[in-house]
Amino acid sequence: MSSAEDAVRALSPSARKVQEALDKAGMPGRVIEMQRTTRSAADAAAAVGCTVGQIVKSLVFKGATSGRAVLVLTSGANRVDESLLARELAEPIAKADADFVRRASGFAIGGVPPVGHSEPMVAFIDEDLCGHAAIWAAAGTPQAVFRLTPQELRTITNGRVIRVKS
């Protein structure tokens, strides 16, 4: 068994699921589990040594009319303007509760990654993430993250880049 296979086997089940989704998509990112929490954008930035703006927050919303899950991948420095999102989606947005997020993504709030979800989600990517050479995203648990580029994020999510803040 290779050291890469050992590393994947050593991951927690949720983090392993993300690594397997990255591998399946042909992405070079490697999931790492930190000793400290990466639950908030500030925690994650401190843990990996980057700016808060380089952290990808994976937020799940719910289409108020369709009931479909909507994934917004935003910079850790930004707050999503739901009216802008509703215009892009062409329907009102509703708050997604923890059960909805877990059902749609397969992950708990605080560790939702941009890949490996239980069901397909329409994805939107914060244009501010595209200004960084490298960004960091959650990887299934409140301690797991992986590094990627904005282009890789677009590729693995088939996300549309939009403005998310007013």
C-alpha atoms as a PDB file:
ATOM      1  CA  MET A   1       0.000   0.000   0.000  1.00  0.00           C
ATOM      2  CA  SER A   2       1.360   3.465  -0.900  1.00  0.00           C
ATOM      3  CA  SER A   3       1.763   6.311   1.575  1.00  0.00           C
ATOM      4  CA  ALA A   4      -0.963   8.232  -0.324  1.00  0.00           C
ATOM      5  CA  GLU A   5      -3.375   5.318   0.198  1.00  0.00           C
ATOM      6  CA  ASP A   6      -2.392   5.191   3.875  1.00  0.00           C
ATOM      7  CA  ALA A   7      -3.073   8.918   4.197  1.00  0.00           C
ATOM      8  CA  VAL A   8      -6.564   8.576   2.689  1.00  0.00           C
ATOM      9  CA  ARG A   9      -7.381   5.599   4.937  1.00  0.00           C
ATOM     10  CA  ALA A  10      -6.273   7.626   7.981  1.00  0.00           C
ATOM     11  CA  LEU A  11      -8.861  10.341   7.252  1.00  0.00           C
ATOM     12  CA  SER A  12     -12.171  10.376   9.096  1.00  0.00           C
ATOM     13  CA  PRO A  13     -15.046   8.917   7.029  1.00  0.00           C
ATOM     14  CA  SER A  14     -16.437  12.331   5.986  1.00  0.00           C
ATOM     15  CA  ALA A  15     -13.017  13.698   5.035  1.00  0.00           C
ATOM     16  CA  ARG A  16     -12.263  10.475   3.144  1.00  0.00           C
ATOM     17  CA  LYS A  17     -15.504  10.921   1.180  1.00  0.00           C
ATOM     18  CA  VAL A  18     -14.292  14.379   0.080  1.00  0.00           C
ATOM     19  CA  GLN A  19     -10.847  13.076  -0.878  1.00  0.00           C
ATOM     20  CA  GLU A  20     -12.438  10.326  -2.929  1.00  0.00           C
ATOM     21  CA  ALA A  21     -14.651  12.894  -4.716  1.00  0.00           C
ATOM     22  CA  LEU A  22     -11.569  15.005  -5.488  1.00  0.00           C
ATOM     23  CA  ASP A  23      -9.695  11.960  -6.764  1.00  0.00           C
ATOM     24  CA  LYS A  24     -12.650  10.894  -8.914  1.00  0.00           C
ATOM     25  CA  ALA A  25     -12.777  14.393 -10.430  1.00  0.00           C
ATOM     26  CA  GLY A  26      -9.043  14.236 -11.197  1.00  0.00           C
ATOM     27  CA  MET A  27      -8.248  17.100  -8.838  1.00  0.00           C
ATOM     28  CA  PRO A  28      -4.809  17.342  -7.218  1.00  0.00           C
ATOM     29  CA  GLY A  29      -6.093  18.643  -3.852  1.00  0.00           C
ATOM     30  CA  ARG A  30      -5.245  16.654  -0.717  1.00  0.00           C
ATOM     31  CA  VAL A  31      -7.526  16.726   2.304  1.00  0.00           C
ATOM     32  CA  ILE A  32      -5.777  17.472   5.569  1.00  0.00           C
ATOM     33  CA  GLU A  33      -7.283  17.170   9.016  1.00  0.00           C
ATOM     34  CA  MET A  34      -6.080  19.796  11.452  1.00  0.00           C
ATOM     35  CA  GLN A  35      -5.635  19.459  15.194  1.00  0.00           C
ATOM     36  CA  ARG A  36      -7.695  22.621  15.681  1.00  0.00           C
ATOM     37  CA  THR A  37     -11.096  23.592  14.380  1.00  0.00           C
ATOM     38  CA  THR A  38     -11.608  25.102  10.951  1.00  0.00           C
ATOM     39  CA  ARG A  39     -15.357  25.578  11.523  1.00  0.00           C
ATOM     40  CA  SER A  40     -15.329  29.371  11.015  1.00  0.00           C
ATOM     41  CA  ALA A  41     -13.530  31.217   8.216  1.00  0.00           C
ATOM     42  CA  ALA A  42     -11.295  32.939  10.779  1.00  0.00           C
ATOM     43  CA  ASP A  43     -10.432  29.587  12.409  1.00  0.00           C
ATOM     44  CA  ALA A  44      -9.644  28.021   9.037  1.00  0.00           C
ATOM     45  CA  ALA A  45      -7.476  30.961   7.928  1.00  0.00           C
ATOM     46  CA  ALA A  46      -5.494  30.815  11.177  1.00  0.00           C
ATOM     47  CA  ALA A  47      -5.070  27.041  10.876  1.00  0.00           C
ATOM     48  CA  VAL A  48      -3.719  27.071   7.310  1.00  0.00           C
ATOM     49  CA  GLY A  49      -1.935  30.443   7.398  1.00  0.00           C
ATOM     50  CA  CYS A  50      -3.897  32.377   4.797  1.00  0.00           C
ATOM     51  CA  THR A  51      -6.249  35.367   4.748  1.00  0.00           C
ATOM     52  CA  VAL A  52      -9.935  35.013   5.617  1.00  0.00           C
ATOM     53  CA  GLY A  53     -10.706  36.045   2.032  1.00  0.00           C
ATOM     54  CA  GLN A  54      -9.013  32.851   0.777  1.00  0.00           C
ATOM     55  CA  ILE A  55     -11.386  30.611   2.729  1.00  0.00           C
ATOM     56  CA  VAL A  56     -14.299  29.128   0.777  1.00  0.00           C
ATOM     57  CA  LYS A  57     -17.480  29.121   2.841  1.00  0.00           C
ATOM     58  CA  SER A  58     -19.867  26.482   1.482  1.00  0.00           C
ATOM     59  CA  LEU A  59     -23.368  27.715   2.287  1.00  0.00           C
ATOM     60  CA  VAL A  60     -26.493  25.769   1.405  1.00  0.00           C
ATOM     61  CA  PHE A  61     -29.676  27.705   0.727  1.00  0.00           C
ATOM     62  CA  LYS A  62     -33.087  26.479  -0.345  1.00  0.00           C
ATOM     63  CA  GLY A  63     -35.078  27.685  -3.318  1.00  0.00           C
ATOM     64  CA  ALA A  64     -38.307  28.941  -1.707  1.00  0.00           C
ATOM     65  CA  THR A  65     -40.464  27.881  -4.663  1.00  0.00           C
ATOM     66  CA  SER A  66     -38.672  24.798  -5.987  1.00  0.00           C
ATOM     67  CA  GLY A  67     -37.297  23.491  -2.696  1.00  0.00           C
ATOM     68  CA  ARG A  68     -34.006  22.703  -4.455  1.00  0.00           C
ATOM     69  CA  ALA A  69     -30.674  22.950  -2.703  1.00  0.00           C
ATOM     70  CA  VAL A  70     -28.478  25.861  -3.761  1.00  0.00           C
ATOM     71  CA  LEU A  71     -24.760  25.881  -2.961  1.00  0.00           C
ATOM     72  CA  VAL A  72     -23.058  29.239  -2.573  1.00  0.00           C
ATOM     73  CA  LEU A  73     -19.275  29.158  -2.375  1.00  0.00           C
ATOM     74  CA  THR A  74     -18.303  32.511  -0.962  1.00  0.00           C
ATOM     75  CA  SER A  75     -15.188  34.154   0.335  1.00  0.00           C
ATOM     76  CA  GLY A  76     -14.806  33.895   4.099  1.00  0.00           C
ATOM     77  CA  ALA A  77     -14.577  37.687   4.134  1.00  0.00           C
ATOM     78  CA  ASN A  78     -18.025  38.144   2.579  1.00  0.00           C
ATOM     79  CA  ARG A  79     -21.648  37.872   3.608  1.00  0.00           C
ATOM     80  CA  VAL A  80     -24.098  36.670   0.943  1.00  0.00           C
ATOM     81  CA  ASP A  81     -26.717  39.213  -0.111  1.00  0.00           C
ATOM     82  CA  GLU A  82     -29.727  36.918  -0.458  1.00  0.00           C
ATOM     83  CA  SER A  83     -31.536  39.351  -2.776  1.00  0.00           C
ATOM     84  CA  LEU A  84     -28.637  39.137  -5.272  1.00  0.00           C
ATOM     85  CA  LEU A  85     -28.701  35.358  -5.004  1.00  0.00           C
ATOM     86  CA  ALA A  86     -32.467  35.255  -5.507  1.00  0.00           C
ATOM     87  CA  ARG A  87     -32.104  37.323  -8.699  1.00  0.00           C
ATOM     88  CA  GLU A  88     -29.437  34.968 -10.049  1.00  0.00           C
ATOM     89  CA  LEU A  89     -31.534  31.926  -9.160  1.00  0.00           C
ATOM     90  CA  ALA A  90     -34.762  33.518 -10.463  1.00  0.00           C
ATOM     91  CA  GLU A  91     -36.660  32.524  -7.322  1.00  0.00           C
ATOM     92  CA  PRO A  92     -36.813  33.632  -3.699  1.00  0.00           C
ATOM     93  CA  ILE A  93     -34.338  32.094  -1.259  1.00  0.00           C
ATOM     94  CA  ALA A  94     -35.252  30.425   2.025  1.00  0.00           C
ATOM     95  CA  LYS A  95     -32.986  29.566   4.932  1.00  0.00           C
ATOM     96  CA  ALA A  96     -31.937  25.920   4.919  1.00  0.00           C
ATOM     97  CA  ASP A  97     -32.072  24.266   8.329  1.00  0.00           C
ATOM     98  CA  ALA A  98     -29.437  21.799   9.540  1.00  0.00           C
ATOM     99  CA  ASP A  99     -31.513  18.763   8.496  1.00  0.00           C
ATOM    100  CA  PHE A 100     -31.981  20.115   4.960  1.00  0.00           C
ATOM    101  CA  VAL A 101     -28.240  20.859   4.673  1.00  0.00           C
ATOM    102  CA  ARG A 102     -27.294  17.370   5.846  1.00  0.00           C
ATOM    103  CA  ARG A 103     -29.847  15.700   3.557  1.00  0.00           C
ATOM    104  CA  ALA A 104     -28.779  17.697   0.478  1.00  0.00           C
ATOM    105  CA  SER A 105     -25.036  17.679   1.047  1.00  0.00           C
ATOM    106  CA  GLY A 106     -24.423  14.609   3.184  1.00  0.00           C
ATOM    107  CA  PHE A 107     -22.433  16.758   5.610  1.00  0.00           C
ATOM    108  CA  ALA A 108     -23.125  18.754   8.756  1.00  0.00           C
ATOM    109  CA  ILE A 109     -22.962  22.550   8.841  1.00  0.00           C
ATOM    110  CA  GLY A 110     -19.396  23.586   9.609  1.00  0.00           C
ATOM    111  CA  GLY A 111     -17.831  20.975   7.350  1.00  0.00           C
ATOM    112  CA  VAL A 112     -19.820  21.211   4.089  1.00  0.00           C
ATOM    113  CA  PRO A 113     -17.363  20.852   1.189  1.00  0.00           C
ATOM    114  CA  PRO A 114     -17.864  22.013  -2.392  1.00  0.00           C
ATOM    115  CA  VAL A 115     -17.843  18.359  -3.628  1.00  0.00           C
ATOM    116  CA  GLY A 116     -19.097  14.899  -2.739  1.00  0.00           C
ATOM    117  CA  HIS A 117     -22.699  15.839  -2.032  1.00  0.00           C
ATOM    118  CA  SER A 118     -25.630  13.474  -1.575  1.00  0.00           C
ATOM    119  CA  GLU A 119     -27.588  15.195  -4.323  1.00  0.00           C
ATOM    120  CA  PRO A 120     -26.657  17.560  -7.146  1.00  0.00           C
ATOM    121  CA  MET A 121     -26.885  21.245  -6.279  1.00  0.00           C
ATOM    122  CA  VAL A 122     -26.842  24.322  -8.443  1.00  0.00           C
ATOM    123  CA  ALA A 123     -23.644  26.152  -7.455  1.00  0.00           C
ATOM    124  CA  PHE A 124     -22.676  29.802  -7.413  1.00  0.00           C
ATOM    125  CA  ILE A 125     -19.125  31.008  -6.778  1.00  0.00           C
ATOM    126  CA  ASP A 126     -18.274  34.365  -5.227  1.00  0.00           C
ATOM    127  CA  GLU A 127     -16.332  36.439  -7.759  1.00  0.00           C
ATOM    128  CA  ASP A 128     -14.016  37.609  -4.957  1.00  0.00           C
ATOM    129  CA  LEU A 129     -12.565  34.086  -4.670  1.00  0.00           C
ATOM    130  CA  CYS A 130     -11.270  34.413  -8.232  1.00  0.00           C
ATOM    131  CA  GLY A 131      -8.782  37.085  -7.155  1.00  0.00           C
ATOM    132  CA  HIS A 132      -6.640  34.567  -5.263  1.00  0.00           C
ATOM    133  CA  ALA A 133      -4.065  32.133  -6.618  1.00  0.00           C
ATOM    134  CA  ALA A 134      -4.963  29.583  -3.928  1.00  0.00           C
ATOM    135  CA  ILE A 135      -8.067  29.094  -1.801  1.00  0.00           C
ATOM    136  CA  TRP A 136      -9.014  26.633   0.964  1.00  0.00           C
ATOM    137  CA  ALA A 137     -12.320  24.784   1.325  1.00  0.00           C
ATOM    138  CA  ALA A 138     -13.941  22.644   4.005  1.00  0.00           C
ATOM    139  CA  ALA A 139     -13.494  18.909   3.563  1.00  0.00           C
ATOM    140  CA  GLY A 140     -16.340  17.212   5.397  1.00  0.00           C
ATOM    141  CA  THR A 141     -15.572  17.914   9.061  1.00  0.00           C
ATOM    142  CA  PRO A 142     -14.965  21.010  11.202  1.00  0.00           C
ATOM    143  CA  GLN A 143     -11.231  20.135  11.195  1.00  0.00           C
ATOM    144  CA  ALA A 144     -10.669  19.138   7.545  1.00  0.00           C
ATOM    145  CA  VAL A 145      -9.690  21.390   4.623  1.00  0.00           C
ATOM    146  CA  PHE A 146      -8.112  21.191   1.185  1.00  0.00           C
ATOM    147  CA  ARG A 147      -6.291  23.665  -1.042  1.00  0.00           C
ATOM    148  CA  LEU A 148      -7.353  24.411  -4.604  1.00  0.00           C
ATOM    149  CA  THR A 149      -7.414  27.150  -7.210  1.00  0.00           C
ATOM    150  CA  PRO A 150     -10.482  29.176  -8.215  1.00  0.00           C
ATOM    151  CA  GLN A 151     -10.425  27.430 -11.625  1.00  0.00           C
ATOM    152  CA  GLU A 152     -10.422  24.018  -9.936  1.00  0.00           C
ATOM    153  CA  LEU A 153     -13.390  25.160  -7.818  1.00  0.00           C
ATOM    154  CA  ARG A 154     -15.290  26.120 -10.976  1.00  0.00           C
ATOM    155  CA  THR A 155     -14.416  22.788 -12.557  1.00  0.00           C
ATOM    156  CA  ILE A 156     -15.430  20.522  -9.659  1.00  0.00           C
ATOM    157  CA  THR A 157     -18.689  22.360  -8.943  1.00  0.00           C
ATOM    158  CA  ASN A 158     -19.692  23.475 -12.420  1.00  0.00           C
ATOM    159  CA  GLY A 159     -20.426  26.695 -10.537  1.00  0.00           C
ATOM    160  CA  ARG A 160     -21.274  30.027 -12.037  1.00  0.00           C
ATOM    161  CA  VAL A 161     -19.214  32.987 -10.841  1.00  0.00           C
ATOM    162  CA  ILE A 162     -21.401  35.817  -9.528  1.00  0.00           C
ATOM    163  CA  ARG A 163     -21.303  38.825  -7.234  1.00  0.00           C
ATOM    164  CA  VAL A 164     -22.642  37.741  -3.849  1.00  0.00           C
ATOM    165  CA  LYS A 165     -22.184  40.883  -1.754  1.00  0.00           C
ATOM    166  CA  SER A 166     -23.851  44.265  -2.190  1.00  0.00           C
END
